[in-house]
PDB file of N, CA and C in Angstrom:
ATOM      1  N   UNK A   1     -16.284  10.752  -9.056  1.00  0.00           N
ATOM      2  CA  UNK A   1     -15.485   9.582  -8.519  1.00  0.00           C
ATOM      3  C   UNK A   1     -14.963  10.138  -7.099  1.00  0.00           C
ATOM      4  N   UNK A   2     -15.539   9.157  -6.078  1.00  0.00           N
ATOM      5  CA  UNK A   2     -15.150   9.735  -4.669  1.00  0.00           C
ATOM      6  C   UNK A   2     -14.061   8.638  -4.271  1.00  0.00           C
ATOM      7  N   UNK A   3     -12.969   8.875  -3.840  1.00  0.00           N
ATOM      8  CA  UNK A   3     -11.790   7.972  -2.883  1.00  0.00           C
ATOM      9  C   UNK A   3     -11.749   8.178  -1.459  1.00  0.00           C
ATOM     10  N   UNK A   4     -11.808   7.379  -0.843  1.00  0.00           N
ATOM     11  CA  UNK A   4     -11.867   7.245   0.255  1.00  0.00           C
ATOM     12  C   UNK A   4     -10.575   5.982   1.027  1.00  0.00           C
ATOM     13  N   UNK A   5     -10.434   5.933   2.231  1.00  0.00           N
ATOM     14  CA  UNK A   5      -9.216   5.407   2.976  1.00  0.00           C
ATOM     15  C   UNK A   5      -9.820   5.017   4.179  1.00  0.00           C
ATOM     16  N   UNK A   6      -9.609   3.348   4.520  1.00  0.00           N
ATOM     17  CA  UNK A   6     -10.409   3.383   6.327  1.00  0.00           C
ATOM     18  C   UNK A   6      -9.990   2.631   6.608  1.00  0.00           C
ATOM     19  N   UNK A   7      -9.052   3.059   7.923  1.00  0.00           N
ATOM     20  CA  UNK A   7      -8.021   2.365   8.500  1.00  0.00           C
ATOM     21  C   UNK A   7      -8.753   2.442  10.361  1.00  0.00           C
ATOM     22  N   UNK A   8      -7.964   0.739  10.521  1.00  0.00           N
ATOM     23  CA  UNK A   8      -8.729   0.266  12.382  1.00  0.00           C
ATOM     24  C   UNK A   8      -8.123  -0.433  12.034  1.00  0.00           C
ATOM     25  N   UNK A   9      -8.302  -0.983  13.638  1.00  0.00           N
ATOM     26  CA  UNK A   9      -6.953  -2.158  13.928  1.00  0.00           C
ATOM     27  C   UNK A   9      -8.189  -2.444  14.878  1.00  0.00           C
ATOM     28  N   UNK A  10      -8.294  -3.911  14.834  1.00  0.00           N
ATOM     29  CA  UNK A  10      -9.052  -5.382  15.495  1.00  0.00           C
ATOM     30  C   UNK A  10      -8.183  -6.177  16.195  1.00  0.00           C
ATOM     31  N   UNK A  11      -9.096  -6.690  17.369  1.00  0.00           N
ATOM     32  CA  UNK A  11      -8.457  -7.434  18.047  1.00  0.00           C
ATOM     33  C   UNK A  11      -7.429  -8.502  18.250  1.00  0.00           C
ATOM     34  N   UNK A  12      -6.698  -8.535  18.254  1.00  0.00           N
ATOM     35  CA  UNK A  12      -5.301  -9.677  18.365  1.00  0.00           C
ATOM     36  C   UNK A  12      -5.805 -10.792  17.870  1.00  0.00           C
ATOM     37  N   UNK A  13      -7.187 -11.305  18.577  1.00  0.00           N
ATOM     38  CA  UNK A  13      -7.530 -12.816  18.464  1.00  0.00           C
ATOM     39  C   UNK A  13      -8.336 -12.625  17.106  1.00  0.00           C
ATOM     40  N   UNK A  14      -9.308 -11.716  16.662  1.00  0.00           N
ATOM     41  CA  UNK A  14     -10.066 -11.374  15.517  1.00  0.00           C
ATOM     42  C   UNK A  14      -9.648 -10.856  14.334  1.00  0.00           C
ATOM     43  N   UNK A  15      -8.510 -11.014  14.599  1.00  0.00           N
ATOM     44  CA  UNK A  15      -7.667 -10.797  13.500  1.00  0.00           C
ATOM     45  C   UNK A  15      -7.704 -11.770  12.127  1.00  0.00           C
ATOM     46  N   UNK A  16      -7.726 -12.550  11.943  1.00  0.00           N
ATOM     47  CA  UNK A  16      -8.110 -13.616  11.318  1.00  0.00           C
ATOM     48  C   UNK A  16      -9.163 -14.182  10.668  1.00  0.00           C
ATOM     49  N   UNK A  17     -10.190 -13.653  11.668  1.00  0.00           N
ATOM     50  CA  UNK A  17     -11.318 -13.610  11.456  1.00  0.00           C
ATOM     51  C   UNK A  17     -12.321 -12.474  10.183  1.00  0.00           C
ATOM     52  N   UNK A  18     -11.586 -11.352  10.670  1.00  0.00           N
ATOM     53  CA  UNK A  18     -11.317  -9.974   9.804  1.00  0.00           C
ATOM     54  C   UNK A  18     -10.626 -10.452   8.402  1.00  0.00           C
ATOM     55  N   UNK A  19      -9.717 -11.061   8.585  1.00  0.00           N
ATOM     56  CA  UNK A  19      -9.721 -11.655   6.885  1.00  0.00           C
ATOM     57  C   UNK A  19      -9.755 -12.299   6.359  1.00  0.00           C
ATOM     58  N   UNK A  20     -11.247 -13.313   6.823  1.00  0.00           N
ATOM     59  CA  UNK A  20     -11.847 -14.355   5.885  1.00  0.00           C
ATOM     60  C   UNK A  20     -12.349 -13.535   6.089  1.00  0.00           C
ATOM     61  N   UNK A  21     -13.424 -12.792   6.309  1.00  0.00           N
ATOM     62  CA  UNK A  21     -14.661 -12.067   6.090  1.00  0.00           C
ATOM     63  C   UNK A  21     -14.104 -10.587   4.749  1.00  0.00           C
ATOM     64  N   UNK A  22     -13.195 -10.245   4.919  1.00  0.00           N
ATOM     65  CA  UNK A  22     -12.517  -9.286   3.712  1.00  0.00           C
ATOM     66  C   UNK A  22     -12.294  -9.957   2.514  1.00  0.00           C
ATOM     67  N   UNK A  23     -11.645 -11.528   2.687  1.00  0.00           N
ATOM     68  CA  UNK A  23     -11.580 -11.970   1.346  1.00  0.00           C
ATOM     69  C   UNK A  23     -13.153 -12.398   0.871  1.00  0.00           C
ATOM     70  N   UNK A  24     -13.736 -12.882   1.794  1.00  0.00           N
ATOM     71  CA  UNK A  24     -15.124 -13.303   1.316  1.00  0.00           C
ATOM     72  C   UNK A  24     -15.635 -11.846   0.152  1.00  0.00           C
ATOM     73  N   UNK A  25     -15.588 -10.895   1.235  1.00  0.00           N
ATOM     74  CA  UNK A  25     -15.599  -9.967   0.005  1.00  0.00           C
ATOM     75  C   UNK A  25     -15.489  -9.578  -0.936  1.00  0.00           C
ATOM     76  N   UNK A  26     -13.797  -9.832  -1.883  1.00  0.00           N
ATOM     77  CA  UNK A  26     -13.814 -10.121  -2.633  1.00  0.00           C
ATOM     78  C   UNK A  26     -13.502 -11.311  -3.480  1.00  0.00           C
ATOM     79  N   UNK A  27     -14.206 -11.933  -2.782  1.00  0.00           N
ATOM     80  CA  UNK A  27     -14.680 -13.220  -3.914  1.00  0.00           C
ATOM     81  C   UNK A  27     -16.171 -13.148  -4.497  1.00  0.00           C
ATOM     82  N   UNK A  28     -17.169 -12.464  -3.782  1.00  0.00           N
ATOM     83  CA  UNK A  28     -18.004 -11.592  -4.111  1.00  0.00           C
ATOM     84  C   UNK A  28     -17.821 -10.786  -4.996  1.00  0.00           C
ATOM     85  N   UNK A  29     -17.185  -9.656  -5.163  1.00  0.00           N
ATOM     86  CA  UNK A  29     -16.700  -9.156  -5.971  1.00  0.00           C
ATOM     87  C   UNK A  29     -16.271  -9.719  -7.481  1.00  0.00           C
ATOM     88  N   UNK A  30     -15.545 -10.782  -7.304  1.00  0.00           N
ATOM     89  CA  UNK A  30     -14.541 -10.926  -8.440  1.00  0.00           C
ATOM     90  C   UNK A  30     -15.485 -11.881  -9.081  1.00  0.00           C
ATOM     91  N   UNK A  31     -17.335 -12.638  -8.388  1.00  0.00           N
ATOM     92  CA  UNK A  31     -18.227 -12.974  -8.780  1.00  0.00           C
ATOM     93  C   UNK A  31     -19.361 -12.399  -9.665  1.00  0.00           C
ATOM     94  N   UNK A  32     -19.578 -10.784  -8.906  1.00  0.00           N
ATOM     95  CA  UNK A  32     -20.352 -10.401  -9.505  1.00  0.00           C
ATOM     96  C   UNK A  32     -19.729  -9.343 -10.351  1.00  0.00           C
ATOM     97  N   UNK A  33     -18.422  -8.803 -10.529  1.00  0.00           N
ATOM     98  CA  UNK A  33     -17.560  -7.679 -10.923  1.00  0.00           C
ATOM     99  C   UNK A  33     -18.684  -6.508 -10.913  1.00  0.00           C
ATOM    100  N   UNK A  34     -18.849  -5.536 -10.080  1.00  0.00           N
ATOM    101  CA  UNK A  34     -19.673  -4.307 -10.425  1.00  0.00           C
ATOM    102  C   UNK A  34     -19.061  -3.561 -11.025  1.00  0.00           C
ATOM    103  N   UNK A  35     -19.716  -2.893 -11.703  1.00  0.00           N
ATOM    104  CA  UNK A  35     -18.609  -1.470 -12.656  1.00  0.00           C
ATOM    105  C   UNK A  35     -18.660  -0.640 -11.694  1.00  0.00           C
ATOM    106  N   UNK A  36     -17.521   0.495 -11.542  1.00  0.00           N
ATOM    107  CA  UNK A  36     -17.598   1.543 -11.172  1.00  0.00           C
ATOM    108  C   UNK A  36     -16.989   1.497 -10.137  1.00  0.00           C
ATOM    109  N   UNK A  37     -16.123   0.636  -9.182  1.00  0.00           N
ATOM    110  CA  UNK A  37     -15.474   0.416  -8.406  1.00  0.00           C
ATOM    111  C   UNK A  37     -13.716  -0.357  -8.344  1.00  0.00           C
ATOM    112  N   UNK A  38     -12.895   0.215  -7.463  1.00  0.00           N
ATOM    113  CA  UNK A  38     -11.698   0.207  -7.508  1.00  0.00           C
ATOM    114  C   UNK A  38     -11.412   0.276  -6.153  1.00  0.00           C
ATOM    115  N   UNK A  39     -11.317  -1.520  -5.732  1.00  0.00           N
ATOM    116  CA  UNK A  39     -11.278  -1.750  -4.160  1.00  0.00           C
ATOM    117  C   UNK A  39     -10.126  -2.518  -3.532  1.00  0.00           C
ATOM    118  N   UNK A  40      -9.565  -2.120  -3.044  1.00  0.00           N
ATOM    119  CA  UNK A  40      -8.388  -3.072  -2.002  1.00  0.00           C
ATOM    120  C   UNK A  40      -8.240  -3.052  -1.005  1.00  0.00           C
ATOM    121  N   UNK A  41      -8.194  -4.103   0.140  1.00  0.00           N
ATOM    122  CA  UNK A  41      -7.774  -3.965   1.367  1.00  0.00           C
ATOM    123  C   UNK A  41      -6.238  -4.677   1.350  1.00  0.00           C
ATOM    124  N   UNK A  42      -5.813  -3.832   2.726  1.00  0.00           N
ATOM    125  CA  UNK A  42      -4.145  -4.439   3.084  1.00  0.00           C
ATOM    126  C   UNK A  42      -4.330  -4.552   4.800  1.00  0.00           C
ATOM    127  N   UNK A  43      -3.866  -5.972   4.888  1.00  0.00           N
ATOM    128  CA  UNK A  43      -2.958  -6.245   6.284  1.00  0.00           C
ATOM    129  C   UNK A  43      -1.897  -5.682   6.787  1.00  0.00           C
ATOM    130  N   UNK A  44      -1.548  -4.615   7.759  1.00  0.00           N
ATOM    131  CA  UNK A  44      -0.295  -4.066   8.021  1.00  0.00           C
ATOM    132  C   UNK A  44       0.548  -5.589   8.782  1.00  0.00           C
ATOM    133  N   UNK A  45       1.455  -4.733   9.120  1.00  0.00           N
ATOM    134  CA  UNK A  45       2.407  -5.507   9.311  1.00  0.00           C
ATOM    135  C   UNK A  45       2.543  -6.003  10.963  1.00  0.00           C
ATOM    136  N   UNK A  46       2.193  -5.179  11.927  1.00  0.00           N
ATOM    137  CA  UNK A  46       1.554  -5.305  13.104  1.00  0.00           C
ATOM    138  C   UNK A  46       0.370  -6.216  12.942  1.00  0.00           C
ATOM    139  N   UNK A  47      -0.363  -6.932  11.905  1.00  0.00           N
ATOM    140  CA  UNK A  47      -1.581  -8.055  12.037  1.00  0.00           C
ATOM    141  C   UNK A  47      -2.558  -7.904  12.617  1.00  0.00           C
ATOM    142  N   UNK A  48      -2.721  -6.295  13.093  1.00  0.00           N
ATOM    143  CA  UNK A  48      -4.004  -6.352  13.596  1.00  0.00           C
ATOM    144  C   UNK A  48      -4.985  -4.876  13.117  1.00  0.00           C
ATOM    145  N   UNK A  49      -3.528  -4.134  12.148  1.00  0.00           N
ATOM    146  CA  UNK A  49      -4.006  -2.527  11.431  1.00  0.00           C
ATOM    147  C   UNK A  49      -4.621  -3.385  10.094  1.00  0.00           C
ATOM    148  N   UNK A  50      -5.882  -2.463   9.538  1.00  0.00           N
ATOM    149  CA  UNK A  50      -6.457  -2.718   8.118  1.00  0.00           C
ATOM    150  C   UNK A  50      -6.387  -1.723   7.609  1.00  0.00           C
ATOM    151  N   UNK A  51      -6.383  -1.682   6.425  1.00  0.00           N
ATOM    152  CA  UNK A  51      -6.348   0.110   5.500  1.00  0.00           C
ATOM    153  C   UNK A  51      -7.304  -0.329   4.468  1.00  0.00           C
ATOM    154  N   UNK A  52      -8.048   0.231   4.104  1.00  0.00           N
ATOM    155  CA  UNK A  52      -9.394   0.201   3.084  1.00  0.00           C
ATOM    156  C   UNK A  52      -9.395   0.813   1.690  1.00  0.00           C
ATOM    157  N   UNK A  53      -9.127   1.165   1.176  1.00  0.00           N
ATOM    158  CA  UNK A  53      -8.986   2.169  -0.499  1.00  0.00           C
ATOM    159  C   UNK A  53      -9.830   1.865  -1.641  1.00  0.00           C
ATOM    160  N   UNK A  54     -10.692   2.540  -1.715  1.00  0.00           N
ATOM    161  CA  UNK A  54     -11.766   2.414  -2.095  1.00  0.00           C
ATOM    162  C   UNK A  54     -11.803   3.170  -3.239  1.00  0.00           C
ATOM    163  N   UNK A  55     -12.240   3.713  -4.548  1.00  0.00           N
ATOM    164  CA  UNK A  55     -12.717   4.582  -5.809  1.00  0.00           C
ATOM    165  C   UNK A  55     -14.215   4.214  -6.367  1.00  0.00           C
ATOM    166  N   UNK A  56     -14.822   5.500  -5.845  1.00  0.00           N
ATOM    167  CA  UNK A  56     -16.259   4.775  -6.292  1.00  0.00           C
ATOM    168  C   UNK A  56     -16.870   6.076  -7.221  1.00  0.00           C
ATOM    169  N   UNK A  57     -17.321   5.413  -8.752  1.00  0.00           N
ATOM    170  CA  UNK A  57     -17.472   6.116  -9.496  1.00  0.00           C
ATOM    171  C   UNK A  57     -19.182   7.086  -8.931  1.00  0.00           C
ATOM    172  N   UNK A  58     -20.033   6.192  -8.465  1.00  0.00           N
ATOM    173  CA  UNK A  58     -21.333   6.955  -7.724  1.00  0.00           C
ATOM    174  C   UNK A  58     -21.479   6.612  -6.460  1.00  0.00           C
ATOM    175  N   UNK A  59     -20.873   7.382  -5.933  1.00  0.00           N
ATOM    176  CA  UNK A  59     -21.079   7.315  -4.684  1.00  0.00           C
ATOM    177  C   UNK A  59     -22.270   6.792  -3.598  1.00  0.00           C
ATOM    178  N   UNK A  60     -23.389   7.838  -4.491  1.00  0.00           N
ATOM    179  CA  UNK A  60     -24.569   7.052  -3.925  1.00  0.00           C
ATOM    180  C   UNK A  60     -25.034   5.651  -4.378  1.00  0.00           C
ATOM    181  N   UNK A  61     -24.517   5.330  -5.563  1.00  0.00           N
ATOM    182  CA  UNK A  61     -24.744   3.623  -5.560  1.00  0.00           C
ATOM    183  C   UNK A  61     -23.671   2.907  -5.338  1.00  0.00           C
ATOM    184  N   UNK A  62     -23.066   2.984  -3.914  1.00  0.00           N
ATOM    185  CA  UNK A  62     -21.748   2.137  -3.617  1.00  0.00           C
ATOM    186  C   UNK A  62     -22.002   0.922  -4.081  1.00  0.00           C
ATOM    187  N   UNK A  63     -21.364  -0.109  -4.722  1.00  0.00           N
ATOM    188  CA  UNK A  63     -21.714  -1.115  -5.065  1.00  0.00           C
ATOM    189  C   UNK A  63     -21.486  -1.968  -3.711  1.00  0.00           C
ATOM    190  N   UNK A  64     -20.455  -1.619  -2.785  1.00  0.00           N
ATOM    191  CA  UNK A  64     -20.550  -2.518  -2.172  1.00  0.00           C
ATOM    192  C   UNK A  64     -21.290  -2.889  -0.568  1.00  0.00           C
ATOM    193  N   UNK A  65     -22.024  -1.844  -0.711  1.00  0.00           N
ATOM    194  CA  UNK A  65     -23.339  -1.601   0.285  1.00  0.00           C
ATOM    195  C   UNK A  65     -24.455  -2.910  -0.155  1.00  0.00           C
ATOM    196  N   UNK A  66     -24.631  -3.453  -1.872  1.00  0.00           N
ATOM    197  CA  UNK A  66     -25.424  -4.521  -2.159  1.00  0.00           C
ATOM    198  C   UNK A  66     -24.939  -5.933  -1.833  1.00  0.00           C
ATOM    199  N   UNK A  67     -23.230  -5.931  -1.389  1.00  0.00           N
ATOM    200  CA  UNK A  67     -22.963  -7.149  -1.398  1.00  0.00           C
ATOM    201  C   UNK A  67     -23.401  -7.823  -0.227  1.00  0.00           C
ATOM    202  N   UNK A  68     -23.930  -8.826   0.147  1.00  0.00           N
ATOM    203  CA  UNK A  68     -24.412  -9.190   0.753  1.00  0.00           C
ATOM    204  C   UNK A  68     -22.585 -10.324   2.298  1.00  0.00           C
ATOM    205  N   UNK A  69     -21.874 -10.380   0.937  1.00  0.00           N
ATOM    206  CA  UNK A  69     -20.373 -10.334   2.028  1.00  0.00           C
ATOM    207  C   UNK A  69     -20.333  -9.009   2.597  1.00  0.00           C
ATOM    208  N   UNK A  70     -20.128  -8.355   2.376  1.00  0.00           N
ATOM    209  CA  UNK A  70     -19.717  -6.654   2.548  1.00  0.00           C
ATOM    210  C   UNK A  70     -20.929  -6.327   3.900  1.00  0.00           C
ATOM    211  N   UNK A  71     -22.069  -6.596   3.782  1.00  0.00           N
ATOM    212  CA  UNK A  71     -22.850  -6.709   4.809  1.00  0.00           C
ATOM    213  C   UNK A  71     -22.543  -7.498   6.139  1.00  0.00           C
ATOM    214  N   UNK A  72     -21.943  -8.443   5.446  1.00  0.00           N
ATOM    215  CA  UNK A  72     -21.559  -9.672   6.739  1.00  0.00           C
ATOM    216  C   UNK A  72     -20.589  -8.709   7.390  1.00  0.00           C
ATOM    217  N   UNK A  73     -19.273  -8.267   6.614  1.00  0.00           N
ATOM    218  CA  UNK A  73     -18.310  -7.697   7.110  1.00  0.00           C
ATOM    219  C   UNK A  73     -18.511  -6.393   7.895  1.00  0.00           C
ATOM    220  N   UNK A  74     -19.308  -5.689   7.619  1.00  0.00           N
ATOM    221  CA  UNK A  74     -19.841  -4.580   8.116  1.00  0.00           C
ATOM    222  C   UNK A  74     -20.326  -4.740   9.684  1.00  0.00           C
ATOM    223  N   UNK A  75     -20.839  -5.428   9.765  1.00  0.00           N
ATOM    224  CA  UNK A  75     -22.310  -5.890  10.595  1.00  0.00           C
ATOM    225  C   UNK A  75     -21.745  -5.954  12.222  1.00  0.00           C
ATOM    226  N   UNK A  76     -20.926  -6.742  12.070  1.00  0.00           N
ATOM    227  CA  UNK A  76     -19.515  -7.370  13.258  1.00  0.00           C
ATOM    228  C   UNK A  76     -18.530  -6.400  13.307  1.00  0.00           C
ATOM    229  N   UNK A  77     -18.169  -5.320  12.445  1.00  0.00           N
ATOM    230  CA  UNK A  77     -16.963  -4.909  12.546  1.00  0.00           C
ATOM    231  C   UNK A  77     -16.821  -3.669  13.984  1.00  0.00           C
ATOM    232  N   UNK A  78     -17.500  -3.651  14.785  1.00  0.00           N
ATOM    233  CA  UNK A  78     -17.102  -2.703  15.995  1.00  0.00           C
ATOM    234  C   UNK A  78     -16.989  -4.031  17.103  1.00  0.00           C
ATOM    235  N   UNK A  79     -17.648  -4.979  16.935  1.00  0.00           N
ATOM    236  CA  UNK A  79     -16.833  -6.048  18.262  1.00  0.00           C
ATOM    237  C   UNK A  79     -16.065  -6.329  17.932  1.00  0.00           C
ATOM    238  N   UNK A  80     -15.139  -6.904  16.540  1.00  0.00           N
ATOM    239  CA  UNK A  80     -14.063  -6.905  16.106  1.00  0.00           C
ATOM    240  C   UNK A  80     -12.603  -5.634  16.391  1.00  0.00           C
ATOM    241  N   UNK A  81     -13.315  -4.307  16.657  1.00  0.00           N
ATOM    242  CA  UNK A  81     -11.853  -3.668  17.012  1.00  0.00           C
ATOM    243  C   UNK A  81     -11.542  -3.287  17.848  1.00  0.00           C
ATOM    244  N   UNK A  82     -10.306  -2.403  18.517  1.00  0.00           N
ATOM    245  CA  UNK A  82      -9.758  -1.949  19.323  1.00  0.00           C
ATOM    246  C   UNK A  82      -9.812  -0.699  18.940  1.00  0.00           C
ATOM    247  N   UNK A  83      -9.708  -0.126  17.832  1.00  0.00           N
ATOM    248  CA  UNK A  83     -10.101   1.307  17.240  1.00  0.00           C
ATOM    249  C   UNK A  83     -10.492   1.737  16.122  1.00  0.00           C
ATOM    250  N   UNK A  84     -11.273   2.056  16.233  1.00  0.00           N
ATOM    251  CA  UNK A  84     -12.785   2.039  15.367  1.00  0.00           C
ATOM    252  C   UNK A  84     -12.164   2.849  13.989  1.00  0.00           C
ATOM    253  N   UNK A  85     -13.226   2.517  12.999  1.00  0.00           N
ATOM    254  CA  UNK A  85     -12.641   2.422  11.718  1.00  0.00           C
ATOM    255  C   UNK A  85     -12.737   4.449  11.406  1.00  0.00           C
ATOM    256  N   UNK A  86     -11.968   5.474  10.798  1.00  0.00           N
ATOM    257  CA  UNK A  86     -11.485   6.449  10.610  1.00  0.00           C
ATOM    258  C   UNK A  86     -11.864   5.999   9.095  1.00  0.00           C
ATOM    259  N   UNK A  87     -12.611   6.814   8.227  1.00  0.00           N
ATOM    260  CA  UNK A  87     -13.078   7.250   6.951  1.00  0.00           C
ATOM    261  C   UNK A  87     -12.098   8.665   6.625  1.00  0.00           C
ATOM    262  N   UNK A  88     -11.573   8.629   5.590  1.00  0.00           N
ATOM    263  CA  UNK A  88     -10.420   9.648   5.208  1.00  0.00           C
ATOM    264  C   UNK A  88     -10.758  10.132   3.715  1.00  0.00           C
ATOM    265  N   UNK A  89     -11.649  11.089   2.743  1.00  0.00           N
ATOM    266  CA  UNK A  89     -11.241  11.436   1.951  1.00  0.00           C
ATOM    267  C   UNK A  89     -10.051  11.659   1.173  1.00  0.00           C
ATOM    268  N   UNK A  90      -9.831  10.988   0.366  1.00  0.00           N
ATOM    269  CA  UNK A  90      -9.231  11.249  -0.709  1.00  0.00           C
ATOM    270  C   UNK A  90      -8.701  11.924  -1.781  1.00  0.00           C
ATOM    271  N   UNK A  91      -7.763  13.136  -1.757  1.00  0.00           N
ATOM    272  CA  UNK A  91      -7.890  13.921  -2.855  1.00  0.00           C
ATOM    273  C   UNK A  91      -6.520  13.674  -3.878  1.00  0.00           C
ATOM    274  N   UNK A  92      -7.096  13.086  -5.083  1.00  0.00           N
ATOM    275  CA  UNK A  92      -5.997  12.281  -6.025  1.00  0.00           C
ATOM    276  C   UNK A  92      -4.910  13.655  -6.716  1.00  0.00           C
ATOM    277  N   UNK A  93      -3.172  13.677  -6.263  1.00  0.00           N
ATOM    278  CA  UNK A  93      -2.626  14.522  -6.442  1.00  0.00           C
ATOM    279  C   UNK A  93      -1.734  13.810  -8.264  1.00  0.00           C
ATOM    280  N   UNK A  94      -2.326  12.611  -8.038  1.00  0.00           N
ATOM    281  CA  UNK A  94      -1.700  12.363  -8.988  1.00  0.00           C
ATOM    282  C   UNK A  94      -1.588  10.693  -8.630  1.00  0.00           C
ATOM    283  N   UNK A  95      -1.473   9.793 -10.196  1.00  0.00           N
ATOM    284  CA  UNK A  95      -1.301   8.303  -9.822  1.00  0.00           C
ATOM    285  C   UNK A  95      -1.080   7.735 -11.194  1.00  0.00           C
ATOM    286  N   UNK A  96       0.012   6.601 -10.776  1.00  0.00           N
ATOM    287  CA  UNK A  96       0.632   5.883 -12.457  1.00  0.00           C
ATOM    288  C   UNK A  96       0.441   4.487 -12.239  1.00  0.00           C
ATOM    289  N   UNK A  97      -0.030   3.746 -12.570  1.00  0.00           N
ATOM    290  CA  UNK A  97       0.066   2.149 -13.232  1.00  0.00           C
ATOM    291  C   UNK A  97       0.729   1.584 -14.505  1.00  0.00           C
ATOM    292  N   UNK A  98       1.445   0.776 -14.289  1.00  0.00           N
ATOM    293  CA  UNK A  98       1.851  -0.011 -15.375  1.00  0.00           C
ATOM    294  C   UNK A  98       2.041  -1.590 -15.358  1.00  0.00           C
ATOM    295  N   UNK A  99       0.619  -1.925 -16.416  1.00  0.00           N
ATOM    296  CA  UNK A  99       0.434  -3.295 -16.185  1.00  0.00           C
ATOM    297  C   UNK A  99       1.194  -4.247 -16.485  1.00  0.00           C
TER     298      UNK A  99
END
């Protein structure tokens, strides 16, 4: 299992577009329900900073890469950004979930 966090800042005028593209990814995930993936995305209070957190059971076969919506989202990310995406590998110390 590999956990990653990606953080970036988009231009103010592109923030809503970025949100829409992310929502399209989640709609595709709901329809396809790929296994081996936990994925969340957040828009911070400043309205222009985004954080994505993913846990991928088989990093060599990341299901996100196969989604057309994810490909559309990533294709223009550089044009939307003020601060380029930074990927950080996360090493879990512990976690808790209560349904």
